[in-house]
Amino acid sequence: MPKVNRIASRLEDLALPANSVAQLCNVATERVGTVILTAPSGTDKTHAAEVLARVMGCDLMHADLSHLVSPYIGETEKNLDRLFAAASASGAVLFFDEADALFGKRSVVKDSHDRYANAEVGYLLQKIEAYSGILILAAGVRQNLDSGFVRRLRNVVDLSWPPKSN
């Protein structure tokens, strides 16, 4: 007989540290801002985002980085504009998995590629600040994220086991 995985339908059903579940419940109640879920790979951050959106009564719109990031100047920004507009129009929760790949630390500018990469991160920060919907980001390592970005976050939820003390 095939194994059937139980899909959590309540935040309390997630196998997460109690303080993480409490933070997610708070996010679901507030229904505002940006939340980042941090934990190592395999911690099921995506499932936590799905349950959080379900609890809020919203669809979850996955941002596919392979379709967003373009090597052509200006195309990544256009793709982000379309994504944020679609999420806003639908009322869905916007979800960026592997956010540390897109929201990574800005580097010292050594050439035009660095300058453009830094400009993309800056543009994305502006889009997030202007976005009135709910945004969930999943990142493996918080320290890899741009500090300017982390400062703008209202909720940072660490899903790691064992729970880290603050």
C-alpha atoms as a PDB file:
ATOM      1  CA  MET A   1       0.000   0.000   0.000  1.00  0.00           C
ATOM      2  CA  PRO A   2       1.499   3.415  -0.949  1.00  0.00           C
ATOM      3  CA  LYS A   3       2.473   5.760   1.840  1.00  0.00           C
ATOM      4  CA  VAL A   4       0.169   8.745   2.169  1.00  0.00           C
ATOM      5  CA  ASN A   5       1.681  11.914   3.567  1.00  0.00           C
ATOM      6  CA  ARG A   6      -0.643  13.975   5.708  1.00  0.00           C
ATOM      7  CA  ILE A   7      -0.771  17.539   4.486  1.00  0.00           C
ATOM      8  CA  ALA A   8      -1.071  19.977   7.353  1.00  0.00           C
ATOM      9  CA  SER A   9      -4.056  22.270   7.109  1.00  0.00           C
ATOM     10  CA  ARG A  10      -3.397  24.257  10.278  1.00  0.00           C
ATOM     11  CA  LEU A  11      -0.221  25.958  11.379  1.00  0.00           C
ATOM     12  CA  GLU A  12      -0.382  24.016  14.626  1.00  0.00           C
ATOM     13  CA  ASP A  13      -0.109  20.760  12.619  1.00  0.00           C
ATOM     14  CA  LEU A  14       3.316  21.676  11.218  1.00  0.00           C
ATOM     15  CA  ALA A  15       6.278  19.860  12.734  1.00  0.00           C
ATOM     16  CA  LEU A  16       8.020  23.062  13.751  1.00  0.00           C
ATOM     17  CA  PRO A  17       9.333  24.575  16.969  1.00  0.00           C
ATOM     18  CA  ALA A  18       6.509  26.058  19.078  1.00  0.00           C
ATOM     19  CA  ASN A  19       7.930  29.583  18.869  1.00  0.00           C
ATOM     20  CA  SER A  20       8.011  29.349  15.054  1.00  0.00           C
ATOM     21  CA  VAL A  21       4.378  28.227  14.934  1.00  0.00           C
ATOM     22  CA  ALA A  22       3.436  31.125  17.235  1.00  0.00           C
ATOM     23  CA  GLN A  23       5.216  33.590  14.926  1.00  0.00           C
ATOM     24  CA  LEU A  24       3.429  32.147  11.875  1.00  0.00           C
ATOM     25  CA  CYS A  25       0.071  32.397  13.667  1.00  0.00           C
ATOM     26  CA  ASN A  26       0.859  36.047  14.374  1.00  0.00           C
ATOM     27  CA  VAL A  27       1.655  36.633  10.678  1.00  0.00           C
ATOM     28  CA  ALA A  28      -1.641  34.970   9.689  1.00  0.00           C
ATOM     29  CA  THR A  29      -3.540  37.193  12.109  1.00  0.00           C
ATOM     30  CA  GLU A  30      -1.822  40.439  11.054  1.00  0.00           C
ATOM     31  CA  ARG A  31      -2.092  39.607   7.322  1.00  0.00           C
ATOM     32  CA  VAL A  32       0.393  42.305   6.408  1.00  0.00           C
ATOM     33  CA  GLY A  33       3.967  42.690   5.287  1.00  0.00           C
ATOM     34  CA  THR A  34       6.816  40.442   4.369  1.00  0.00           C
ATOM     35  CA  VAL A  35       7.850  37.319   6.210  1.00  0.00           C
ATOM     36  CA  ILE A  36      11.001  35.320   5.641  1.00  0.00           C
ATOM     37  CA  LEU A  37      11.257  31.689   6.610  1.00  0.00           C
ATOM     38  CA  THR A  38      14.832  30.669   7.317  1.00  0.00           C
ATOM     39  CA  ALA A  39      16.118  27.141   7.805  1.00  0.00           C
ATOM     40  CA  PRO A  40      18.501  24.703   6.160  1.00  0.00           C
ATOM     41  CA  SER A  41      17.457  22.846   3.016  1.00  0.00           C
ATOM     42  CA  GLY A  42      14.925  20.093   3.559  1.00  0.00           C
ATOM     43  CA  THR A  43      13.125  21.853   6.417  1.00  0.00           C
ATOM     44  CA  ASP A  44       9.945  22.160   4.330  1.00  0.00           C
ATOM     45  CA  LYS A  45       9.776  25.927   4.197  1.00  0.00           C
ATOM     46  CA  THR A  46       7.599  25.655   1.091  1.00  0.00           C
ATOM     47  CA  HIS A  47       5.033  23.553   2.927  1.00  0.00           C
ATOM     48  CA  ALA A  48       4.962  26.073   5.783  1.00  0.00           C
ATOM     49  CA  ALA A  49       4.314  28.849   3.218  1.00  0.00           C
ATOM     50  CA  GLU A  50       1.497  26.825   1.633  1.00  0.00           C
ATOM     51  CA  VAL A  51      -0.181  26.251   4.989  1.00  0.00           C
ATOM     52  CA  LEU A  52       0.262  29.906   5.980  1.00  0.00           C
ATOM     53  CA  ALA A  53      -1.432  31.044   2.751  1.00  0.00           C
ATOM     54  CA  ARG A  54      -4.217  28.473   3.216  1.00  0.00           C
ATOM     55  CA  VAL A  55      -4.832  29.654   6.798  1.00  0.00           C
ATOM     56  CA  MET A  56      -5.120  33.229   5.503  1.00  0.00           C
ATOM     57  CA  GLY A  57      -7.600  32.070   2.859  1.00  0.00           C
ATOM     58  CA  CYS A  58      -5.332  32.999  -0.038  1.00  0.00           C
ATOM     59  CA  ASP A  59      -3.770  31.243  -2.980  1.00  0.00           C
ATOM     60  CA  LEU A  60       0.023  30.937  -3.007  1.00  0.00           C
ATOM     61  CA  MET A  61       1.725  32.310  -6.121  1.00  0.00           C
ATOM     62  CA  HIS A  62       5.195  30.795  -6.579  1.00  0.00           C
ATOM     63  CA  ALA A  63       7.768  33.140  -8.085  1.00  0.00           C
ATOM     64  CA  ASP A  64       9.835  31.006 -10.453  1.00  0.00           C
ATOM     65  CA  LEU A  65      13.349  32.447 -10.449  1.00  0.00           C
ATOM     66  CA  SER A  66      14.194  30.706 -13.723  1.00  0.00           C
ATOM     67  CA  HIS A  67      11.518  32.826 -15.430  1.00  0.00           C
ATOM     68  CA  LEU A  68      12.284  36.046 -13.546  1.00  0.00           C
ATOM     69  CA  VAL A  69      16.015  36.522 -13.835  1.00  0.00           C
ATOM     70  CA  SER A  70      17.215  37.425 -17.306  1.00  0.00           C
ATOM     71  CA  PRO A  71      20.713  38.061 -18.644  1.00  0.00           C
ATOM     72  CA  TYR A  72      19.323  40.948 -20.702  1.00  0.00           C
ATOM     73  CA  ILE A  73      19.422  44.404 -19.166  1.00  0.00           C
ATOM     74  CA  GLY A  74      16.007  45.560 -18.027  1.00  0.00           C
ATOM     75  CA  GLU A  75      14.234  42.220 -18.567  1.00  0.00           C
ATOM     76  CA  THR A  76      14.483  41.079 -14.934  1.00  0.00           C
ATOM     77  CA  GLU A  77      12.841  44.337 -13.845  1.00  0.00           C
ATOM     78  CA  LYS A  78      10.040  43.887 -16.406  1.00  0.00           C
ATOM     79  CA  ASN A  79       9.485  40.323 -15.214  1.00  0.00           C
ATOM     80  CA  LEU A  80       9.310  41.510 -11.600  1.00  0.00           C
ATOM     81  CA  ASP A  81       6.813  44.224 -12.542  1.00  0.00           C
ATOM     82  CA  ARG A  82       4.553  41.629 -14.204  1.00  0.00           C
ATOM     83  CA  LEU A  83       4.863  39.249 -11.249  1.00  0.00           C
ATOM     84  CA  PHE A  84       4.029  41.838  -8.590  1.00  0.00           C
ATOM     85  CA  ALA A  85       1.130  43.178 -10.690  1.00  0.00           C
ATOM     86  CA  ALA A  86      -0.334  39.689 -11.132  1.00  0.00           C
ATOM     87  CA  ALA A  87       0.013  38.894  -7.424  1.00  0.00           C
ATOM     88  CA  SER A  88      -1.570  42.198  -6.459  1.00  0.00           C
ATOM     89  CA  ALA A  89      -4.489  41.736  -8.857  1.00  0.00           C
ATOM     90  CA  SER A  90      -5.189  38.184  -7.677  1.00  0.00           C
ATOM     91  CA  GLY A  91      -4.842  38.833  -3.948  1.00  0.00           C
ATOM     92  CA  ALA A  92      -2.530  35.833  -3.704  1.00  0.00           C
ATOM     93  CA  VAL A  93       0.341  35.491  -1.277  1.00  0.00           C
ATOM     94  CA  LEU A  94       3.545  35.900  -3.285  1.00  0.00           C
ATOM     95  CA  PHE A  95       6.189  33.275  -2.475  1.00  0.00           C
ATOM     96  CA  PHE A  96       9.887  33.396  -3.368  1.00  0.00           C
ATOM     97  CA  ASP A  97      11.628  30.073  -2.675  1.00  0.00           C
ATOM     98  CA  GLU A  98      15.429  30.094  -2.451  1.00  0.00           C
ATOM     99  CA  ALA A  99      15.235  33.829  -1.825  1.00  0.00           C
ATOM    100  CA  ASP A 100      18.879  33.994  -0.845  1.00  0.00           C
ATOM    101  CA  ALA A 101      19.716  33.453  -4.541  1.00  0.00           C
ATOM    102  CA  LEU A 102      17.814  36.592  -5.555  1.00  0.00           C
ATOM    103  CA  PHE A 103      18.193  38.708  -2.432  1.00  0.00           C
ATOM    104  CA  GLY A 104      21.893  37.999  -1.878  1.00  0.00           C
ATOM    105  CA  LYS A 105      24.347  40.488  -0.479  1.00  0.00           C
ATOM    106  CA  ARG A 106      25.290  43.267  -2.817  1.00  0.00           C
ATOM    107  CA  SER A 107      28.928  43.064  -3.753  1.00  0.00           C
ATOM    108  CA  VAL A 108      31.680  45.586  -4.207  1.00  0.00           C
ATOM    109  CA  VAL A 109      31.405  46.971  -7.723  1.00  0.00           C
ATOM    110  CA  LYS A 110      34.339  45.732  -9.794  1.00  0.00           C
ATOM    111  CA  ASP A 111      32.699  45.772 -13.208  1.00  0.00           C
ATOM    112  CA  SER A 112      29.431  46.515 -15.004  1.00  0.00           C
ATOM    113  CA  HIS A 113      28.050  43.060 -14.137  1.00  0.00           C
ATOM    114  CA  ASP A 114      28.396  43.805 -10.391  1.00  0.00           C
ATOM    115  CA  ARG A 115      26.814  47.220 -10.858  1.00  0.00           C
ATOM    116  CA  TYR A 116      23.836  45.717 -12.693  1.00  0.00           C
ATOM    117  CA  ALA A 117      23.408  42.882 -10.155  1.00  0.00           C
ATOM    118  CA  ASN A 118      23.387  45.428  -7.332  1.00  0.00           C
ATOM    119  CA  ALA A 119      20.864  47.555  -9.226  1.00  0.00           C
ATOM    120  CA  GLU A 120      18.561  44.506  -9.580  1.00  0.00           C
ATOM    121  CA  VAL A 121      18.649  43.901  -5.815  1.00  0.00           C
ATOM    122  CA  GLY A 122      17.904  47.580  -5.231  1.00  0.00           C
ATOM    123  CA  TYR A 123      14.988  47.471  -7.664  1.00  0.00           C
ATOM    124  CA  LEU A 124      13.594  44.385  -5.965  1.00  0.00           C
ATOM    125  CA  LEU A 125      13.832  46.090  -2.570  1.00  0.00           C
ATOM    126  CA  GLN A 126      11.786  48.996  -3.947  1.00  0.00           C
ATOM    127  CA  LYS A 127       9.144  46.596  -5.327  1.00  0.00           C
ATOM    128  CA  ILE A 128       8.854  44.857  -1.963  1.00  0.00           C
ATOM    129  CA  GLU A 129       8.478  48.123  -0.074  1.00  0.00           C
ATOM    130  CA  ALA A 130       5.758  49.297  -2.463  1.00  0.00           C
ATOM    131  CA  TYR A 131       3.908  45.966  -2.460  1.00  0.00           C
ATOM    132  CA  SER A 132       0.720  46.079  -0.407  1.00  0.00           C
ATOM    133  CA  GLY A 133       0.124  42.323  -0.385  1.00  0.00           C
ATOM    134  CA  ILE A 134       1.648  39.537   1.639  1.00  0.00           C
ATOM    135  CA  LEU A 135       5.065  38.281   0.620  1.00  0.00           C
ATOM    136  CA  ILE A 136       6.726  35.111   1.915  1.00  0.00           C
ATOM    137  CA  LEU A 137      10.375  34.391   1.257  1.00  0.00           C
ATOM    138  CA  ALA A 138      12.226  31.170   2.008  1.00  0.00           C
ATOM    139  CA  ALA A 139      15.976  31.251   2.519  1.00  0.00           C
ATOM    140  CA  GLY A 140      18.464  28.652   3.614  1.00  0.00           C
ATOM    141  CA  VAL A 141      20.916  30.981   5.333  1.00  0.00           C
ATOM    142  CA  ARG A 142      19.836  34.353   6.684  1.00  0.00           C
ATOM    143  CA  GLN A 143      23.432  35.617   6.763  1.00  0.00           C
ATOM    144  CA  ASN A 144      23.610  35.341   2.955  1.00  0.00           C
ATOM    145  CA  LEU A 145      20.838  37.913   2.538  1.00  0.00           C
ATOM    146  CA  ASP A 146      21.541  41.573   1.821  1.00  0.00           C
ATOM    147  CA  SER A 147      21.516  43.548   5.099  1.00  0.00           C
ATOM    148  CA  GLY A 148      19.442  46.353   3.531  1.00  0.00           C
ATOM    149  CA  PHE A 149      16.851  43.781   2.655  1.00  0.00           C
ATOM    150  CA  VAL A 150      16.791  42.133   6.096  1.00  0.00           C
ATOM    151  CA  ARG A 151      16.267  45.539   7.755  1.00  0.00           C
ATOM    152  CA  ARG A 152      13.044  45.959   5.769  1.00  0.00           C
ATOM    153  CA  LEU A 153      11.586  42.658   6.959  1.00  0.00           C
ATOM    154  CA  ARG A 154       8.826  42.769   9.493  1.00  0.00           C
ATOM    155  CA  ASN A 155       8.857  39.070  10.363  1.00  0.00           C
ATOM    156  CA  VAL A 156      11.787  36.667  10.352  1.00  0.00           C
ATOM    157  CA  VAL A 157      10.789  33.133  11.350  1.00  0.00           C
ATOM    158  CA  ASP A 158      13.505  30.541  11.932  1.00  0.00           C
ATOM    159  CA  LEU A 159      12.137  27.054  11.284  1.00  0.00           C
ATOM    160  CA  SER A 160      15.327  25.237  12.316  1.00  0.00           C
ATOM    161  CA  TRP A 161      15.480  22.270  14.645  1.00  0.00           C
ATOM    162  CA  PRO A 162      16.523  22.430  17.366  1.00  0.00           C
ATOM    163  CA  PRO A 163      14.979  25.856  17.984  1.00  0.00           C
ATOM    164  CA  LYS A 164      17.570  28.606  18.343  1.00  0.00           C
ATOM    165  CA  SER A 165      17.423  30.741  21.442  1.00  0.00           C
ATOM    166  CA  ASN A 166      17.138  34.486  20.837  1.00  0.00           C
END
